[in-house]
Amino acid sequence: MSDNNPVNQEVQNFDKKCLKKTSTAEKNTLPTKEVIEQEKKANEASK
């Protein structure tokens, strides 16, 4: 790829100061190993 690419030039010249600060929060956490085991046992018991 060439540095003459207009997209690369725009990215290099972009002013980060115009971006807003955001806070991130994890919405969907993965289940723990214990939770998975409990669900497996519940599924086996219901069969």
C-alpha atoms as a PDB file:
ATOM      1  CA  MET A   1       0.000   0.000   0.000  1.00  0.00           C
ATOM      2  CA  SER A   2       1.122   3.490  -0.688  1.00  0.00           C
ATOM      3  CA  ASP A   3       1.251   6.415   1.729  1.00  0.00           C
ATOM      4  CA  ASN A   4      -0.297   8.499  -1.046  1.00  0.00           C
ATOM      5  CA  ASN A   5      -3.649   6.929  -0.235  1.00  0.00           C
ATOM      6  CA  PRO A   6      -6.040   9.786   0.685  1.00  0.00           C
ATOM      7  CA  VAL A   7      -7.606   7.726   3.473  1.00  0.00           C
ATOM      8  CA  ASN A   8      -4.222   7.250   5.151  1.00  0.00           C
ATOM      9  CA  GLN A   9      -3.558  10.969   4.912  1.00  0.00           C
ATOM     10  CA  GLU A  10      -6.925  11.792   6.482  1.00  0.00           C
ATOM     11  CA  VAL A  11      -6.318   9.342   9.330  1.00  0.00           C
ATOM     12  CA  GLN A  12      -2.891  10.802  10.020  1.00  0.00           C
ATOM     13  CA  ASN A  13      -4.270  14.354  10.001  1.00  0.00           C
ATOM     14  CA  PHE A  14      -7.338  13.562  12.136  1.00  0.00           C
ATOM     15  CA  ASP A  15      -7.655  15.688  15.280  1.00  0.00           C
ATOM     16  CA  LYS A  16      -8.352  13.419  18.265  1.00  0.00           C
ATOM     17  CA  LYS A  17      -9.384  16.396  20.382  1.00  0.00           C
ATOM     18  CA  CYS A  18     -12.755  16.566  18.630  1.00  0.00           C
ATOM     19  CA  LEU A  19     -13.722  13.110  19.939  1.00  0.00           C
ATOM     20  CA  LYS A  20     -15.945  12.820  23.006  1.00  0.00           C
ATOM     21  CA  LYS A  21     -14.896  10.781  26.025  1.00  0.00           C
ATOM     22  CA  THR A  22     -17.089   7.736  26.565  1.00  0.00           C
ATOM     23  CA  SER A  23     -17.331   5.210  29.311  1.00  0.00           C
ATOM     24  CA  THR A  24     -17.680   1.551  28.478  1.00  0.00           C
ATOM     25  CA  ALA A  25     -19.605  -1.004  30.470  1.00  0.00           C
ATOM     26  CA  GLU A  26     -19.762  -4.734  29.873  1.00  0.00           C
ATOM     27  CA  LYS A  27     -23.371  -5.656  29.190  1.00  0.00           C
ATOM     28  CA  ASN A  28     -23.288  -9.411  28.656  1.00  0.00           C
ATOM     29  CA  THR A  29     -20.897 -11.219  30.924  1.00  0.00           C
ATOM     30  CA  LEU A  30     -19.963 -14.793  30.191  1.00  0.00           C
ATOM     31  CA  PRO A  31     -21.244 -17.440  32.591  1.00  0.00           C
ATOM     32  CA  THR A  32     -18.827 -18.888  35.097  1.00  0.00           C
ATOM     33  CA  LYS A  33     -17.782 -22.527  35.023  1.00  0.00           C
ATOM     34  CA  GLU A  34     -20.018 -23.187  38.044  1.00  0.00           C
ATOM     35  CA  VAL A  35     -23.085 -21.741  36.313  1.00  0.00           C
ATOM     36  CA  ILE A  36     -22.461 -23.897  33.245  1.00  0.00           C
ATOM     37  CA  GLU A  37     -22.162 -27.015  35.400  1.00  0.00           C
ATOM     38  CA  GLN A  38     -25.412 -26.183  37.209  1.00  0.00           C
ATOM     39  CA  GLU A  39     -27.230 -25.747  33.910  1.00  0.00           C
ATOM     40  CA  LYS A  40     -25.862 -29.057  32.591  1.00  0.00           C
ATOM     41  CA  LYS A  41     -27.043 -30.853  35.723  1.00  0.00           C
ATOM     42  CA  ALA A  42     -30.477 -29.227  35.490  1.00  0.00           C
ATOM     43  CA  ASN A  43     -30.799 -30.294  31.833  1.00  0.00           C
ATOM     44  CA  GLU A  44     -29.753 -33.867  32.631  1.00  0.00           C
ATOM     45  CA  ALA A  45     -32.200 -34.058  35.541  1.00  0.00           C
ATOM     46  CA  SER A  46     -35.099 -32.867  33.392  1.00  0.00           C
ATOM     47  CA  LYS A  47     -34.579 -35.624  30.798  1.00  0.00           C
END
